[in-house]
C-alpha atoms as a PDB file:
ATOM      1  CA  UNK A   1     -12.888  -9.190  52.813  1.00  0.00           C
ATOM      2  CA  UNK A   2     -14.737  -8.292  49.590  1.00  0.00           C
ATOM      3  CA  UNK A   3     -13.041  -6.579  46.646  1.00  0.00           C
ATOM      4  CA  UNK A   4     -13.475  -2.815  46.572  1.00  0.00           C
ATOM      5  CA  UNK A   5     -16.117  -2.295  43.902  1.00  0.00           C
ATOM      6  CA  UNK A   6     -14.637   1.232  43.374  1.00  0.00           C
ATOM      7  CA  UNK A   7     -11.042  -0.019  42.700  1.00  0.00           C
ATOM      8  CA  UNK A   8      -9.615   0.992  39.370  1.00  0.00           C
ATOM      9  CA  UNK A   9      -8.617  -1.901  37.205  1.00  0.00           C
ATOM     10  CA  UNK A  10      -7.348  -2.134  33.511  1.00  0.00           C
ATOM     11  CA  UNK A  11      -9.854  -4.298  31.713  1.00  0.00           C
ATOM     12  CA  UNK A  12      -8.469  -6.981  29.186  1.00  0.00           C
ATOM     13  CA  UNK A  13      -8.793  -5.635  25.738  1.00  0.00           C
ATOM     14  CA  UNK A  14     -11.509  -7.192  23.714  1.00  0.00           C
ATOM     15  CA  UNK A  15     -10.267  -9.788  21.137  1.00  0.00           C
ATOM     16  CA  UNK A  16     -12.919 -10.404  18.389  1.00  0.00           C
ATOM     17  CA  UNK A  17     -13.928 -13.961  17.712  1.00  0.00           C
ATOM     18  CA  UNK A  18     -15.604 -12.899  14.416  1.00  0.00           C
ATOM     19  CA  UNK A  19     -13.941 -11.028  11.286  1.00  0.00           C
ATOM     20  CA  UNK A  20     -14.141  -7.326  11.590  1.00  0.00           C
ATOM     21  CA  UNK A  21     -13.986  -4.727   8.970  1.00  0.00           C
ATOM     22  CA  UNK A  22     -10.798  -3.634  10.764  1.00  0.00           C
ATOM     23  CA  UNK A  23      -9.201  -6.977   9.865  1.00  0.00           C
ATOM     24  CA  UNK A  24      -8.889  -5.717   6.287  1.00  0.00           C
ATOM     25  CA  UNK A  25      -7.497  -2.231   7.078  1.00  0.00           C
ATOM     26  CA  UNK A  26      -3.787  -2.904   7.021  1.00  0.00           C
ATOM     27  CA  UNK A  27      -3.413  -2.152  10.687  1.00  0.00           C
ATOM     28  CA  UNK A  28      -2.750  -4.107  14.014  1.00  0.00           C
ATOM     29  CA  UNK A  29      -5.617  -6.405  13.685  1.00  0.00           C
ATOM     30  CA  UNK A  30      -4.911  -7.462  10.117  1.00  0.00           C
ATOM     31  CA  UNK A  31      -1.349  -8.241  11.285  1.00  0.00           C
ATOM     32  CA  UNK A  32      -2.762 -10.266  14.043  1.00  0.00           C
ATOM     33  CA  UNK A  33      -5.052 -12.172  11.613  1.00  0.00           C
ATOM     34  CA  UNK A  34      -2.222 -13.046   9.227  1.00  0.00           C
ATOM     35  CA  UNK A  35       0.068 -14.129  11.956  1.00  0.00           C
ATOM     36  CA  UNK A  36      -2.594 -15.917  13.947  1.00  0.00           C
ATOM     37  CA  UNK A  37      -4.760 -17.574  11.462  1.00  0.00           C
ATOM     38  CA  UNK A  38      -2.930 -17.752   8.075  1.00  0.00           C
ATOM     39  CA  UNK A  39       0.664 -18.286   8.680  1.00  0.00           C
ATOM     40  CA  UNK A  40       0.444 -21.047  11.347  1.00  0.00           C
ATOM     41  CA  UNK A  41      -1.862 -23.074   8.772  1.00  0.00           C
ATOM     42  CA  UNK A  42       0.057 -22.396   5.637  1.00  0.00           C
ATOM     43  CA  UNK A  43       3.545 -22.532   7.123  1.00  0.00           C
ATOM     44  CA  UNK A  44       4.763 -19.314   5.772  1.00  0.00           C
ATOM     45  CA  UNK A  45       7.651 -17.245   7.133  1.00  0.00           C
ATOM     46  CA  UNK A  46       6.360 -14.176   8.756  1.00  0.00           C
ATOM     47  CA  UNK A  47       9.821 -12.635   8.118  1.00  0.00           C
ATOM     48  CA  UNK A  48       9.647 -13.282   4.461  1.00  0.00           C
ATOM     49  CA  UNK A  49       6.304 -11.411   3.897  1.00  0.00           C
ATOM     50  CA  UNK A  50       6.634  -8.791   0.962  1.00  0.00           C
ATOM     51  CA  UNK A  51       4.173  -7.290  -1.569  1.00  0.00           C
ATOM     52  CA  UNK A  52       5.225 -10.203  -3.836  1.00  0.00           C
ATOM     53  CA  UNK A  53       6.864 -13.537  -3.322  1.00  0.00           C
ATOM     54  CA  UNK A  54       9.966 -14.351  -5.379  1.00  0.00           C
ATOM     55  CA  UNK A  55      10.318 -18.076  -6.479  1.00  0.00           C
ATOM     56  CA  UNK A  56      12.948 -19.822  -8.436  1.00  0.00           C
ATOM     57  CA  UNK A  57      11.792 -21.262 -11.742  1.00  0.00           C
ATOM     58  CA  UNK A  58      13.822 -22.639 -14.747  1.00  0.00           C
ATOM     59  CA  UNK A  59      17.217 -21.026 -13.652  1.00  0.00           C
ATOM     60  CA  UNK A  60      15.444 -17.587 -13.204  1.00  0.00           C
ATOM     61  CA  UNK A  61      13.377 -15.820 -10.516  1.00  0.00           C
ATOM     62  CA  UNK A  62       9.679 -15.176 -10.802  1.00  0.00           C
ATOM     63  CA  UNK A  63       7.820 -12.525  -8.799  1.00  0.00           C
ATOM     64  CA  UNK A  64       4.353 -13.759  -7.864  1.00  0.00           C
ATOM     65  CA  UNK A  65       1.451 -11.873  -6.386  1.00  0.00           C
ATOM     66  CA  UNK A  66      -2.338 -11.723  -5.917  1.00  0.00           C
ATOM     67  CA  UNK A  67      -4.793  -9.226  -4.598  1.00  0.00           C
ATOM     68  CA  UNK A  68      -8.414  -8.535  -4.229  1.00  0.00           C
ATOM     69  CA  UNK A  69     -10.147  -5.272  -4.832  1.00  0.00           C
ATOM     70  CA  UNK A  70     -13.397  -4.233  -3.245  1.00  0.00           C
ATOM     71  CA  UNK A  71     -13.347  -0.348  -3.349  1.00  0.00           C
ATOM     72  CA  UNK A  72     -16.676   1.364  -2.844  1.00  0.00           C
ATOM     73  CA  UNK A  73     -17.675   3.234  -4.845  1.00  0.00           C
ATOM     74  CA  UNK A  74     -16.504   1.624  -7.874  1.00  0.00           C
ATOM     75  CA  UNK A  75     -15.727   4.795  -9.671  1.00  0.00           C
ATOM     76  CA  UNK A  76     -14.046   7.708  -7.932  1.00  0.00           C
ATOM     77  CA  UNK A  77     -12.153  10.883  -8.960  1.00  0.00           C
ATOM     78  CA  UNK A  78      -9.082   9.796 -10.642  1.00  0.00           C
ATOM     79  CA  UNK A  79      -9.897   6.091 -11.293  1.00  0.00           C
ATOM     80  CA  UNK A  80     -12.100   3.084 -10.888  1.00  0.00           C
ATOM     81  CA  UNK A  81     -12.225  -0.402  -9.798  1.00  0.00           C
ATOM     82  CA  UNK A  82     -10.897  -1.788 -13.223  1.00  0.00           C
ATOM     83  CA  UNK A  83      -7.664   0.266 -13.473  1.00  0.00           C
ATOM     84  CA  UNK A  84      -7.125   0.074  -9.593  1.00  0.00           C
ATOM     85  CA  UNK A  85      -6.950  -3.813  -9.814  1.00  0.00           C
ATOM     86  CA  UNK A  86      -4.265  -3.541 -12.662  1.00  0.00           C
ATOM     87  CA  UNK A  87      -2.116  -0.772 -11.031  1.00  0.00           C
ATOM     88  CA  UNK A  88      -2.323  -2.408  -7.743  1.00  0.00           C
ATOM     89  CA  UNK A  89      -0.939  -5.717  -8.961  1.00  0.00           C
ATOM     90  CA  UNK A  90       1.569  -4.428 -11.320  1.00  0.00           C
ATOM     91  CA  UNK A  91       2.880  -2.047  -8.465  1.00  0.00           C
ATOM     92  CA  UNK A  92       3.162  -5.238  -6.021  1.00  0.00           C
ATOM     93  CA  UNK A  93       5.244  -6.906  -8.653  1.00  0.00           C
ATOM     94  CA  UNK A  94       7.582  -3.930  -8.862  1.00  0.00           C
ATOM     95  CA  UNK A  95       8.120  -3.753  -5.149  1.00  0.00           C
ATOM     96  CA  UNK A  96      10.004  -6.870  -5.594  1.00  0.00           C
ATOM     97  CA  UNK A  97      12.194  -5.516  -8.234  1.00  0.00           C
ATOM     98  CA  UNK A  98      10.382  -7.334 -10.997  1.00  0.00           C
ATOM     99  CA  UNK A  99       9.505  -6.573 -14.493  1.00  0.00           C
ATOM    100  CA  UNK A 100       5.686  -7.217 -14.831  1.00  0.00           C
ATOM    101  CA  UNK A 101       4.913  -9.775 -17.455  1.00  0.00           C
ATOM    102  CA  UNK A 102       1.312 -11.019 -17.232  1.00  0.00           C
ATOM    103  CA  UNK A 103      -1.944 -10.725 -15.248  1.00  0.00           C
ATOM    104  CA  UNK A 104      -5.017 -13.045 -14.478  1.00  0.00           C
ATOM    105  CA  UNK A 105      -8.154 -11.581 -13.394  1.00  0.00           C
ATOM    106  CA  UNK A 106     -11.131 -13.168 -11.485  1.00  0.00           C
ATOM    107  CA  UNK A 107     -14.565 -11.385 -11.294  1.00  0.00           C
ATOM    108  CA  UNK A 108     -17.059 -11.831  -8.689  1.00  0.00           C
ATOM    109  CA  UNK A 109     -20.218 -10.230 -10.025  1.00  0.00           C
ATOM    110  CA  UNK A 110     -23.509  -9.488  -8.485  1.00  0.00           C
ATOM    111  CA  UNK A 111     -26.800 -10.201 -10.146  1.00  0.00           C
ATOM    112  CA  UNK A 112     -28.237  -6.905 -11.368  1.00  0.00           C
ATOM    113  CA  UNK A 113     -24.873  -5.139 -12.161  1.00  0.00           C
ATOM    114  CA  UNK A 114     -25.389  -3.185 -15.220  1.00  0.00           C
ATOM    115  CA  UNK A 115     -23.546  -4.641 -18.205  1.00  0.00           C
ATOM    116  CA  UNK A 116     -22.502  -1.160 -19.480  1.00  0.00           C
ATOM    117  CA  UNK A 117     -20.877  -0.726 -16.094  1.00  0.00           C
ATOM    118  CA  UNK A 118     -19.113  -4.028 -16.284  1.00  0.00           C
ATOM    119  CA  UNK A 119     -17.992  -3.404 -19.849  1.00  0.00           C
ATOM    120  CA  UNK A 120     -16.580   0.108 -18.683  1.00  0.00           C
ATOM    121  CA  UNK A 121     -14.506  -1.433 -15.948  1.00  0.00           C
ATOM    122  CA  UNK A 122     -13.003  -4.187 -18.202  1.00  0.00           C
ATOM    123  CA  UNK A 123     -12.117  -1.303 -20.656  1.00  0.00           C
ATOM    124  CA  UNK A 124     -10.337   0.474 -17.911  1.00  0.00           C
ATOM    125  CA  UNK A 125      -8.568  -2.784 -17.044  1.00  0.00           C
ATOM    126  CA  UNK A 126      -7.322  -2.955 -20.749  1.00  0.00           C
ATOM    127  CA  UNK A 127      -6.331   0.452 -20.902  1.00  0.00           C
ATOM    128  CA  UNK A 128      -4.211   0.249 -17.634  1.00  0.00           C
ATOM    129  CA  UNK A 129      -2.682  -2.903 -18.736  1.00  0.00           C
ATOM    130  CA  UNK A 130      -1.578  -1.428 -22.107  1.00  0.00           C
ATOM    131  CA  UNK A 131      -0.075   1.381 -20.189  1.00  0.00           C
ATOM    132  CA  UNK A 132       1.888  -0.890 -18.046  1.00  0.00           C
ATOM    133  CA  UNK A 133       2.994  -3.058 -21.034  1.00  0.00           C
ATOM    134  CA  UNK A 134       1.422  -6.386 -19.640  1.00  0.00           C
ATOM    135  CA  UNK A 135      -1.362  -8.485 -20.855  1.00  0.00           C
ATOM    136  CA  UNK A 136      -4.239  -9.987 -19.048  1.00  0.00           C
ATOM    137  CA  UNK A 137      -4.014 -13.499 -20.227  1.00  0.00           C
ATOM    138  CA  UNK A 138      -6.435 -15.478 -18.237  1.00  0.00           C
ATOM    139  CA  UNK A 139      -9.327 -15.280 -15.625  1.00  0.00           C
ATOM    140  CA  UNK A 140     -12.620 -16.380 -14.108  1.00  0.00           C
ATOM    141  CA  UNK A 141     -16.094 -15.166 -13.635  1.00  0.00           C
ATOM    142  CA  UNK A 142     -18.618 -15.883 -10.932  1.00  0.00           C
ATOM    143  CA  UNK A 143     -22.072 -14.420 -10.263  1.00  0.00           C
ATOM    144  CA  UNK A 144     -23.612 -14.244  -6.725  1.00  0.00           C
ATOM    145  CA  UNK A 145     -27.241 -13.516  -5.790  1.00  0.00           C
ATOM    146  CA  UNK A 146     -28.588 -10.070  -5.596  1.00  0.00           C
ATOM    147  CA  UNK A 147     -27.587  -8.289  -2.645  1.00  0.00           C
ATOM    148  CA  UNK A 148     -24.717 -10.725  -1.787  1.00  0.00           C
ATOM    149  CA  UNK A 149     -21.712  -9.079  -3.689  1.00  0.00           C
ATOM    150  CA  UNK A 150     -21.855  -5.279  -3.811  1.00  0.00           C
ATOM    151  CA  UNK A 151     -21.791  -4.987  -7.490  1.00  0.00           C
ATOM    152  CA  UNK A 152     -18.388  -6.338  -8.321  1.00  0.00           C
ATOM    153  CA  UNK A 153     -15.186  -7.476  -6.812  1.00  0.00           C
ATOM    154  CA  UNK A 154     -12.039  -8.246  -8.691  1.00  0.00           C
ATOM    155  CA  UNK A 155      -9.070 -10.492  -7.871  1.00  0.00           C
ATOM    156  CA  UNK A 156      -5.881 -10.201  -9.815  1.00  0.00           C
ATOM    157  CA  UNK A 157      -2.871 -12.215 -10.036  1.00  0.00           C
ATOM    158  CA  UNK A 158       0.535 -10.901 -11.375  1.00  0.00           C
ATOM    159  CA  UNK A 159       3.641 -12.646 -12.716  1.00  0.00           C
ATOM    160  CA  UNK A 160       6.888 -10.684 -13.259  1.00  0.00           C
ATOM    161  CA  UNK A 161      10.519 -11.489 -13.859  1.00  0.00           C
ATOM    162  CA  UNK A 162      13.042 -10.475 -11.299  1.00  0.00           C
ATOM    163  CA  UNK A 163      16.548  -9.415 -13.257  1.00  0.00           C
ATOM    164  CA  UNK A 164      19.616 -11.231 -12.143  1.00  0.00           C
ATOM    165  CA  UNK A 165      21.307  -9.562  -9.028  1.00  0.00           C
ATOM    166  CA  UNK A 166      18.194  -7.564  -7.866  1.00  0.00           C
ATOM    167  CA  UNK A 167      17.424  -8.319  -4.300  1.00  0.00           C
ATOM    168  CA  UNK A 168      14.789  -6.056  -2.867  1.00  0.00           C
ATOM    169  CA  UNK A 169      13.208  -7.101   0.386  1.00  0.00           C
ATOM    170  CA  UNK A 170      12.357  -5.601   3.890  1.00  0.00           C
ATOM    171  CA  UNK A 171      15.205  -7.575   5.436  1.00  0.00           C
ATOM    172  CA  UNK A 172      17.830  -5.602   3.721  1.00  0.00           C
ATOM    173  CA  UNK A 173      16.889  -2.327   5.189  1.00  0.00           C
ATOM    174  CA  UNK A 174      19.741  -1.144   7.476  1.00  0.00           C
ATOM    175  CA  UNK A 175      20.731   1.621   9.775  1.00  0.00           C
ATOM    176  CA  UNK A 176      21.970   4.488   7.498  1.00  0.00           C
ATOM    177  CA  UNK A 177      19.417   4.082   4.925  1.00  0.00           C
ATOM    178  CA  UNK A 178      17.365   7.002   3.485  1.00  0.00           C
ATOM    179  CA  UNK A 179      13.524   6.851   3.285  1.00  0.00           C
ATOM    180  CA  UNK A 180      12.033   8.316  -0.055  1.00  0.00           C
ATOM    181  CA  UNK A 181       8.589   8.788  -1.392  1.00  0.00           C
ATOM    182  CA  UNK A 182       7.673   9.512  -4.914  1.00  0.00           C
ATOM    183  CA  UNK A 183       4.892  11.883  -4.347  1.00  0.00           C
ATOM    184  CA  UNK A 184       2.412  13.519  -2.007  1.00  0.00           C
ATOM    185  CA  UNK A 185       0.573  11.251   0.410  1.00  0.00           C
ATOM    186  CA  UNK A 186      -3.141  10.423   1.302  1.00  0.00           C
ATOM    187  CA  UNK A 187      -4.706  11.465  -1.914  1.00  0.00           C
ATOM    188  CA  UNK A 188      -6.371   8.156  -2.795  1.00  0.00           C
ATOM    189  CA  UNK A 189      -8.077   7.584   0.357  1.00  0.00           C
ATOM    190  CA  UNK A 190      -9.581  11.103   0.649  1.00  0.00           C
ATOM    191  CA  UNK A 191     -10.641  11.007  -3.095  1.00  0.00           C
ATOM    192  CA  UNK A 192     -12.623   7.833  -2.422  1.00  0.00           C
ATOM    193  CA  UNK A 193     -14.120   9.176   0.845  1.00  0.00           C
ATOM    194  CA  UNK A 194     -15.282  12.325  -0.855  1.00  0.00           C
ATOM    195  CA  UNK A 195     -17.519  10.567  -3.104  1.00  0.00           C
ATOM    196  CA  UNK A 196     -18.602   7.884  -0.876  1.00  0.00           C
ATOM    197  CA  UNK A 197     -19.727  10.411   1.708  1.00  0.00           C
ATOM    198  CA  UNK A 198     -20.857  13.012  -0.765  1.00  0.00           C
ATOM    199  CA  UNK A 199     -18.388  15.510   0.608  1.00  0.00           C
ATOM    200  CA  UNK A 200     -17.456  18.564  -1.705  1.00  0.00           C
ATOM    201  CA  UNK A 201     -14.072  20.219  -0.946  1.00  0.00           C
ATOM    202  CA  UNK A 202     -13.224  23.747  -2.305  1.00  0.00           C
ATOM    203  CA  UNK A 203     -10.287  22.150  -4.441  1.00  0.00           C
ATOM    204  CA  UNK A 204     -11.246  18.832  -5.836  1.00  0.00           C
ATOM    205  CA  UNK A 205      -9.175  15.963  -4.721  1.00  0.00           C
ATOM    206  CA  UNK A 206      -8.382  13.072  -7.294  1.00  0.00           C
ATOM    207  CA  UNK A 207      -6.827   9.749  -6.635  1.00  0.00           C
ATOM    208  CA  UNK A 208      -3.109   9.159  -7.305  1.00  0.00           C
ATOM    209  CA  UNK A 209      -4.198   5.737  -8.884  1.00  0.00           C
ATOM    210  CA  UNK A 210      -1.370   4.741 -11.324  1.00  0.00           C
ATOM    211  CA  UNK A 211       1.649   2.512 -11.980  1.00  0.00           C
ATOM    212  CA  UNK A 212       5.082   3.010 -10.381  1.00  0.00           C
ATOM    213  CA  UNK A 213       6.900   0.158 -11.874  1.00  0.00           C
ATOM    214  CA  UNK A 214       8.808   2.431 -14.189  1.00  0.00           C
ATOM    215  CA  UNK A 215       9.963   4.448 -11.143  1.00  0.00           C
ATOM    216  CA  UNK A 216      11.249   1.296  -9.582  1.00  0.00           C
ATOM    217  CA  UNK A 217      12.952   0.279 -12.828  1.00  0.00           C
ATOM    218  CA  UNK A 218      14.689   3.683 -13.008  1.00  0.00           C
ATOM    219  CA  UNK A 219      16.389   3.090  -9.689  1.00  0.00           C
ATOM    220  CA  UNK A 220      17.326  -0.447 -10.338  1.00  0.00           C
ATOM    221  CA  UNK A 221      18.522   0.244 -13.804  1.00  0.00           C
ATOM    222  CA  UNK A 222      20.868   3.115 -12.665  1.00  0.00           C
ATOM    223  CA  UNK A 223      22.563   0.508 -10.360  1.00  0.00           C
ATOM    224  CA  UNK A 224      21.544   2.011  -7.223  1.00  0.00           C
ATOM    225  CA  UNK A 225      21.533  -0.328  -4.156  1.00  0.00           C
ATOM    226  CA  UNK A 226      17.893  -0.393  -3.596  1.00  0.00           C
ATOM    227  CA  UNK A 227      17.304  -2.420  -0.276  1.00  0.00           C
ATOM    228  CA  UNK A 228      13.614  -2.251  -0.196  1.00  0.00           C
ATOM    229  CA  UNK A 229      10.583  -0.873  -2.069  1.00  0.00           C
ATOM    230  CA  UNK A 230       7.011  -0.622  -0.889  1.00  0.00           C
ATOM    231  CA  UNK A 231       3.737   1.018  -1.992  1.00  0.00           C
ATOM    232  CA  UNK A 232       1.811   2.711   0.823  1.00  0.00           C
ATOM    233  CA  UNK A 233      -1.698   1.454   0.188  1.00  0.00           C
ATOM    234  CA  UNK A 234      -3.829   0.263   3.145  1.00  0.00           C
ATOM    235  CA  UNK A 235      -2.537   2.080   6.345  1.00  0.00           C
ATOM    236  CA  UNK A 236      -0.631   4.636   4.382  1.00  0.00           C
ATOM    237  CA  UNK A 237       3.009   5.538   4.888  1.00  0.00           C
ATOM    238  CA  UNK A 238       2.800   5.106   8.768  1.00  0.00           C
ATOM    239  CA  UNK A 239       1.810   1.378   8.462  1.00  0.00           C
ATOM    240  CA  UNK A 240       4.476   0.725   5.723  1.00  0.00           C
ATOM    241  CA  UNK A 241       7.285   2.221   8.104  1.00  0.00           C
ATOM    242  CA  UNK A 242       6.094   0.245  10.848  1.00  0.00           C
ATOM    243  CA  UNK A 243       6.102  -3.093   8.834  1.00  0.00           C
ATOM    244  CA  UNK A 244       9.620  -2.335   7.538  1.00  0.00           C
ATOM    245  CA  UNK A 245      10.937  -1.556  10.742  1.00  0.00           C
ATOM    246  CA  UNK A 246       9.675  -4.695  12.416  1.00  0.00           C
ATOM    247  CA  UNK A 247      10.885  -6.789   9.702  1.00  0.00           C
ATOM    248  CA  UNK A 248      14.286  -5.395   9.463  1.00  0.00           C
ATOM    249  CA  UNK A 249      14.686  -4.991  13.208  1.00  0.00           C
ATOM    250  CA  UNK A 250      15.545  -1.376  12.904  1.00  0.00           C
ATOM    251  CA  UNK A 251      14.038   2.006  14.162  1.00  0.00           C
ATOM    252  CA  UNK A 252      12.853   4.660  11.657  1.00  0.00           C
ATOM    253  CA  UNK A 253      12.462   8.413  12.051  1.00  0.00           C
ATOM    254  CA  UNK A 254      10.314  10.417   9.612  1.00  0.00           C
ATOM    255  CA  UNK A 255      10.600  14.109   9.518  1.00  0.00           C
ATOM    256  CA  UNK A 256       7.322  16.141   9.504  1.00  0.00           C
ATOM    257  CA  UNK A 257       8.653  19.135   7.580  1.00  0.00           C
ATOM    258  CA  UNK A 258       9.816  16.850   4.687  1.00  0.00           C
ATOM    259  CA  UNK A 259       6.506  14.964   4.263  1.00  0.00           C
ATOM    260  CA  UNK A 260       4.801  15.859   0.965  1.00  0.00           C
ATOM    261  CA  UNK A 261       1.077  16.386   1.699  1.00  0.00           C
ATOM    262  CA  UNK A 262      -1.025  18.407  -0.749  1.00  0.00           C
ATOM    263  CA  UNK A 263      -2.648  21.174   0.978  1.00  0.00           C
ATOM    264  CA  UNK A 264      -6.091  20.324  -0.046  1.00  0.00           C
ATOM    265  CA  UNK A 265      -5.538  16.765   1.305  1.00  0.00           C
ATOM    266  CA  UNK A 266      -4.097  18.110   4.579  1.00  0.00           C
ATOM    267  CA  UNK A 267      -7.204  20.428   4.943  1.00  0.00           C
ATOM    268  CA  UNK A 268      -9.568  17.614   4.321  1.00  0.00           C
ATOM    269  CA  UNK A 269      -7.792  15.364   6.783  1.00  0.00           C
ATOM    270  CA  UNK A 270      -7.926  18.196   9.548  1.00  0.00           C
ATOM    271  CA  UNK A 271     -11.627  18.684   8.862  1.00  0.00           C
ATOM    272  CA  UNK A 272     -12.414  14.961   9.044  1.00  0.00           C
ATOM    273  CA  UNK A 273      -9.980  14.198  12.026  1.00  0.00           C
ATOM    274  CA  UNK A 274      -7.749  11.897   9.886  1.00  0.00           C
ATOM    275  CA  UNK A 275      -4.005  11.671   9.816  1.00  0.00           C
ATOM    276  CA  UNK A 276      -2.658  11.820   6.243  1.00  0.00           C
ATOM    277  CA  UNK A 277       0.157   9.449   7.142  1.00  0.00           C
ATOM    278  CA  UNK A 278      -2.147   6.716   7.646  1.00  0.00           C
ATOM    279  CA  UNK A 279      -4.395   7.378   4.593  1.00  0.00           C
ATOM    280  CA  UNK A 280      -3.854   5.135   1.447  1.00  0.00           C
ATOM    281  CA  UNK A 281      -2.028   6.054  -1.629  1.00  0.00           C
ATOM    282  CA  UNK A 282      -2.516   3.910  -4.918  1.00  0.00           C
ATOM    283  CA  UNK A 283       0.360   5.527  -7.037  1.00  0.00           C
ATOM    284  CA  UNK A 284       3.112   6.036  -4.698  1.00  0.00           C
ATOM    285  CA  UNK A 285       6.366   4.278  -3.821  1.00  0.00           C
ATOM    286  CA  UNK A 286       8.444   4.178  -0.718  1.00  0.00           C
ATOM    287  CA  UNK A 287      12.149   3.491  -1.330  1.00  0.00           C
ATOM    288  CA  UNK A 288      14.905   2.462   1.096  1.00  0.00           C
ATOM    289  CA  UNK A 289      18.651   2.885  -0.038  1.00  0.00           C
ATOM    290  CA  UNK A 290      21.987   4.156   1.213  1.00  0.00           C
ATOM    291  CA  UNK A 291      21.775   7.820   2.302  1.00  0.00           C
ATOM    292  CA  UNK A 292      24.765   8.488   0.101  1.00  0.00           C
ATOM    293  CA  UNK A 293      22.723   7.444  -2.976  1.00  0.00           C
ATOM    294  CA  UNK A 294      19.496   9.597  -2.016  1.00  0.00           C
ATOM    295  CA  UNK A 295      20.395  12.700  -4.037  1.00  0.00           C
ATOM    296  CA  UNK A 296      20.878  10.501  -7.254  1.00  0.00           C
ATOM    297  CA  UNK A 297      17.684   8.645  -6.600  1.00  0.00           C
ATOM    298  CA  UNK A 298      15.684  11.861  -6.296  1.00  0.00           C
ATOM    299  CA  UNK A 299      17.166  13.194  -9.656  1.00  0.00           C
ATOM    300  CA  UNK A 300      16.153   9.787 -11.361  1.00  0.00           C
ATOM    301  CA  UNK A 301      12.530   9.892  -9.701  1.00  0.00           C
ATOM    302  CA  UNK A 302      12.001  13.550 -10.557  1.00  0.00           C
ATOM    303  CA  UNK A 303      12.754  12.887 -14.281  1.00  0.00           C
ATOM    304  CA  UNK A 304       9.302  11.222 -14.556  1.00  0.00           C
ATOM    305  CA  UNK A 305       6.150  13.084 -14.204  1.00  0.00           C
ATOM    306  CA  UNK A 306       4.817  10.666 -11.554  1.00  0.00           C
ATOM    307  CA  UNK A 307       7.939  11.175  -9.478  1.00  0.00           C
ATOM    308  CA  UNK A 308       8.090  14.983  -9.899  1.00  0.00           C
ATOM    309  CA  UNK A 309       7.112  15.294  -6.233  1.00  0.00           C
ATOM    310  CA  UNK A 310       9.650  12.868  -4.825  1.00  0.00           C
ATOM    311  CA  UNK A 311      11.279  13.706  -1.407  1.00  0.00           C
ATOM    312  CA  UNK A 312      13.541  12.189   1.328  1.00  0.00           C
ATOM    313  CA  UNK A 313      11.217  11.985   4.338  1.00  0.00           C
ATOM    314  CA  UNK A 314      13.309  10.072   6.930  1.00  0.00           C
ATOM    315  CA  UNK A 315      16.128   7.743   7.790  1.00  0.00           C
ATOM    316  CA  UNK A 316      16.616   4.237   9.363  1.00  0.00           C
ATOM    317  CA  UNK A 317      18.391   4.273  12.827  1.00  0.00           C
ATOM    318  CA  UNK A 318      20.147   1.670  14.827  1.00  0.00           C
ATOM    319  CA  UNK A 319      17.513   1.926  17.563  1.00  0.00           C
ATOM    320  CA  UNK A 320      14.780  -0.182  19.303  1.00  0.00           C
ATOM    321  CA  UNK A 321      13.618  -2.613  16.647  1.00  0.00           C
ATOM    322  CA  UNK A 322      10.316  -1.841  15.153  1.00  0.00           C
ATOM    323  CA  UNK A 323       9.929   1.712  16.591  1.00  0.00           C
ATOM    324  CA  UNK A 324       8.845   4.404  14.216  1.00  0.00           C
ATOM    325  CA  UNK A 325       8.728   8.074  15.231  1.00  0.00           C
ATOM    326  CA  UNK A 326       7.905  11.379  13.768  1.00  0.00           C
ATOM    327  CA  UNK A 327      10.277  14.317  14.368  1.00  0.00           C
ATOM    328  CA  UNK A 328       7.741  17.207  14.473  1.00  0.00           C
ATOM    329  CA  UNK A 329       7.963  20.841  13.177  1.00  0.00           C
ATOM    330  CA  UNK A 330       8.565  21.777  16.955  1.00  0.00           C
ATOM    331  CA  UNK A 331      11.636  19.384  17.344  1.00  0.00           C
ATOM    332  CA  UNK A 332       9.714  16.927  19.408  1.00  0.00           C
ATOM    333  CA  UNK A 333       9.408  13.075  18.712  1.00  0.00           C
ATOM    334  CA  UNK A 334       5.980  11.452  18.281  1.00  0.00           C
ATOM    335  CA  UNK A 335       5.538   7.745  18.117  1.00  0.00           C
ATOM    336  CA  UNK A 336       4.006   6.552  14.858  1.00  0.00           C
ATOM    337  CA  UNK A 337       2.416   3.314  15.897  1.00  0.00           C
ATOM    338  CA  UNK A 338       0.153   0.822  13.783  1.00  0.00           C
ATOM    339  CA  UNK A 339      -3.669   1.570  14.110  1.00  0.00           C
ATOM    340  CA  UNK A 340      -5.812  -1.120  15.138  1.00  0.00           C
ATOM    341  CA  UNK A 341      -7.532  -1.011  11.792  1.00  0.00           C
ATOM    342  CA  UNK A 342      -7.952   1.607   9.009  1.00  0.00           C
ATOM    343  CA  UNK A 343      -9.269   5.093   9.224  1.00  0.00           C
ATOM    344  CA  UNK A 344     -11.058   4.558   5.934  1.00  0.00           C
ATOM    345  CA  UNK A 345     -12.395   1.095   5.054  1.00  0.00           C
ATOM    346  CA  UNK A 346     -12.968  -0.266   1.496  1.00  0.00           C
ATOM    347  CA  UNK A 347     -10.490   2.088  -0.095  1.00  0.00           C
ATOM    348  CA  UNK A 348      -8.914  -0.467  -2.357  1.00  0.00           C
END
């Protein structure tokens, strides 16, 4: 008997055998790429992944991180590629509880890039480094053929010192923790998209590109029991919550009414069919600490201009490991899963 040609079947999901743009978006495909290609070959512990690695050296602990920056366009409202490279790396060091010390920078330049533009990007890097109190101490430059490099890519490596007694890691997150963010969400991704696509909104939207290491230091120096810190870049807040929930083996519930989303960003996302919870930030921090310390943490964060919009947006639960839900304004629960890729590629 021949198979029924009209029978309904569930096709096997397509698994790409080449690198896709979605592999760099901070979502499920990027997770599969890391866990399927890099970790088996390099022997890294998937449960040990964090924004920075912490290594023992000379009786102390150093935080070490590296990051590539390929944003398009290179200049956007509120920032540019140069300062983004510095702030992004400094912030990654801070997420391990480290005090940033020094940076290295590697430039991949395309033949034909105007030298005036390059000089402007380097000047932005210097100004950003001065603001963060770090020095760019070494680097490298390579030039590729015209049409092979999209103008300029920058890779930065950062080194920081982790104070004695500080242990900030996703594995320390536990039920009863509060989830805090230091400001409104989704601003960077929408700012980049607005200039990339030539969109004009009634209210201009500028990126939140900036450093958060001083906010992290404020919590740690006050003696709060900070369990984990993370900056919600690619994939936004929702992806961060999924990564932390999976690493810590906990469930997380966010509350829609408490999420700080600027009205202009929310309107832009509604028009474009985007979810601001998955849109990147570049000057925000997510903190996990005991709920009893949340009020004190808010006071410390709001004492800084960059943390004036800080809010408690959720809590950690003893539920199914890795499950993230959003408690909506209507009182219902919506699952916040990892996207396959990224709503907005090339935003950092």
